[in-house]
Amino acid sequence: MRRLLSIGLLLLAASSQADKVLLLKTPPSGCQPGDTVSIETGGKLQGLLFSDAWIENNAKKKLLKAIKKADGNRAVLKDRRVFLMDNHHRGIQRMELEAWTWRCEESDSSR
């Protein structure tokens, strides 16, 4: 039983790696270019209630989901705008991210 459980977990981990999205600093070579995606996250209430790290993490999750939806598996961040709170509460109010996407074959990403 323990062996079956470990094999199941290994297969689950391998399948989750197959559709992994990578955020790159430079555009990949030999990949098919895709669309430009953009997201917006946060708000006045979220800026008051949640930490900057939580808003940043939420923005990254939304961006990765948007890249997958655009059928891409590689992306380069094009624009990052952070809007800060305008009162005595210092911190992030909301974020806007925009990225270029590419679709690369999985054999290229095995490195």
Protein backbone atom coordinates (compact mmCIF):
# COMPACT_ATOMS: atom_id res chain seq x y z
CA MET A 1 0.00 0.00 0.00
CA ARG A 2 2.82 2.37 0.87
CA ARG A 3 4.48 1.63 -2.47
CA LEU A 4 1.28 2.48 -4.38
CA LEU A 5 0.93 5.75 -2.49
CA SER A 6 4.52 6.78 -3.24
CA ILE A 7 4.09 5.90 -6.94
CA GLY A 8 0.87 7.93 -7.04
CA LEU A 9 2.56 10.95 -5.48
CA LEU A 10 5.48 10.66 -7.90
CA LEU A 11 3.12 10.57 -10.89
CA LEU A 12 1.20 13.56 -9.54
CA ALA A 13 4.41 15.56 -9.14
CA ALA A 14 5.57 14.64 -12.65
CA SER A 15 2.24 15.64 -14.20
CA SER A 16 2.26 19.00 -12.43
CA GLN A 17 5.72 19.76 -13.85
CA ALA A 18 4.51 19.21 -17.42
CA ASP A 19 2.50 22.43 -17.57
CA LYS A 20 4.84 24.59 -15.51
CA VAL A 21 5.06 28.26 -16.51
CA LEU A 22 8.43 29.99 -16.32
CA LEU A 23 8.92 33.75 -15.90
CA LEU A 24 12.12 34.69 -17.72
CA LYS A 25 14.31 37.81 -17.79
CA THR A 26 15.04 37.57 -21.52
CA PRO A 27 12.86 36.30 -24.39
CA PRO A 28 13.37 32.60 -25.20
CA SER A 29 14.82 31.59 -28.56
CA GLY A 30 13.20 29.00 -30.78
CA CYS A 31 9.73 29.38 -29.27
CA GLN A 32 6.45 30.38 -30.83
CA PRO A 33 5.39 33.89 -29.69
CA GLY A 34 1.97 34.24 -28.13
CA ASP A 35 -0.29 36.98 -26.86
CA THR A 36 0.31 39.72 -24.36
CA VAL A 37 -1.52 39.14 -21.08
CA SER A 38 -2.29 41.62 -18.33
CA ILE A 39 -3.80 41.32 -14.87
CA GLU A 40 -4.84 43.67 -12.11
CA THR A 41 -5.11 42.71 -8.48
CA GLY A 42 -5.70 44.35 -5.15
CA GLY A 43 -7.85 47.26 -4.13
CA LYS A 44 -8.30 49.78 -1.36
CA LEU A 45 -9.77 47.26 1.07
CA GLN A 46 -7.17 44.58 0.26
CA GLY A 47 -4.42 47.17 0.71
CA LEU A 48 -5.68 47.84 4.22
CA LEU A 49 -6.30 44.23 5.24
CA PHE A 50 -3.46 42.26 3.64
CA SER A 51 0.31 42.55 3.57
CA ASP A 52 2.33 43.61 0.55
CA ALA A 53 3.72 40.08 0.25
CA TRP A 54 0.19 38.64 0.06
CA ILE A 55 -0.79 41.08 -2.71
CA GLU A 56 2.46 40.32 -4.62
CA ASN A 57 1.88 36.56 -4.30
CA ASN A 58 -1.73 36.92 -5.44
CA ALA A 59 -0.61 38.97 -8.47
CA LYS A 60 1.96 36.33 -9.42
CA LYS A 61 -0.63 33.53 -9.17
CA LYS A 62 -3.08 35.49 -11.34
CA LEU A 63 -0.36 36.21 -13.91
CA LEU A 64 0.67 32.54 -14.15
CA LYS A 65 -2.99 31.55 -14.57
CA ALA A 66 -3.43 34.16 -17.34
CA ILE A 67 -0.30 32.88 -19.12
CA LYS A 68 -1.62 29.31 -19.03
CA LYS A 69 -5.00 30.51 -20.32
CA ALA A 70 -3.22 32.21 -23.25
CA ASP A 71 -1.63 28.80 -24.06
CA GLY A 72 1.86 29.92 -23.10
CA ASN A 73 4.48 28.27 -20.95
CA ARG A 74 7.16 31.00 -20.97
CA ALA A 75 6.75 34.71 -20.27
CA VAL A 76 8.76 37.89 -19.88
CA LEU A 77 7.37 40.65 -17.69
CA LYS A 78 6.70 43.69 -19.88
CA ASP A 79 5.27 46.17 -17.39
CA ARG A 80 4.81 46.22 -13.61
CA ARG A 81 2.86 49.02 -11.98
CA VAL A 82 2.43 49.26 -8.24
CA PHE A 83 -0.04 51.74 -6.76
CA LEU A 84 0.62 52.67 -3.15
CA MET A 85 -1.88 53.66 -0.47
CA ASP A 86 -2.47 57.41 -0.36
CA ASN A 87 -3.06 57.73 3.37
CA HIS A 88 -1.03 57.04 6.51
CA HIS A 89 -1.20 53.28 5.84
CA ARG A 90 1.93 52.71 3.79
CA GLY A 91 1.94 49.79 1.44
CA ILE A 92 0.62 48.42 -1.83
CA GLN A 93 -2.97 49.19 -2.74
CA ARG A 94 -3.08 47.39 -6.09
CA MET A 95 -0.83 46.03 -8.84
CA GLU A 96 -1.00 45.77 -12.61
CA LEU A 97 1.24 43.30 -14.45
CA GLU A 98 1.66 42.79 -18.19
CA ALA A 99 3.71 40.05 -19.84
CA TRP A 100 4.60 38.68 -23.27
CA THR A 101 4.00 34.94 -23.65
CA TRP A 102 5.66 32.20 -25.68
CA ARG A 103 4.89 28.54 -26.26
CA CYS A 104 7.99 26.33 -26.11
CA GLU A 105 8.16 22.60 -26.68
CA GLU A 106 8.69 20.54 -23.55
CA SER A 107 11.94 19.01 -24.85
CA ASP A 108 13.52 22.49 -24.66
CA SER A 109 12.52 22.95 -21.02
CA SER A 110 14.08 19.72 -19.73
CA ARG A 111 17.32 21.54 -18.87
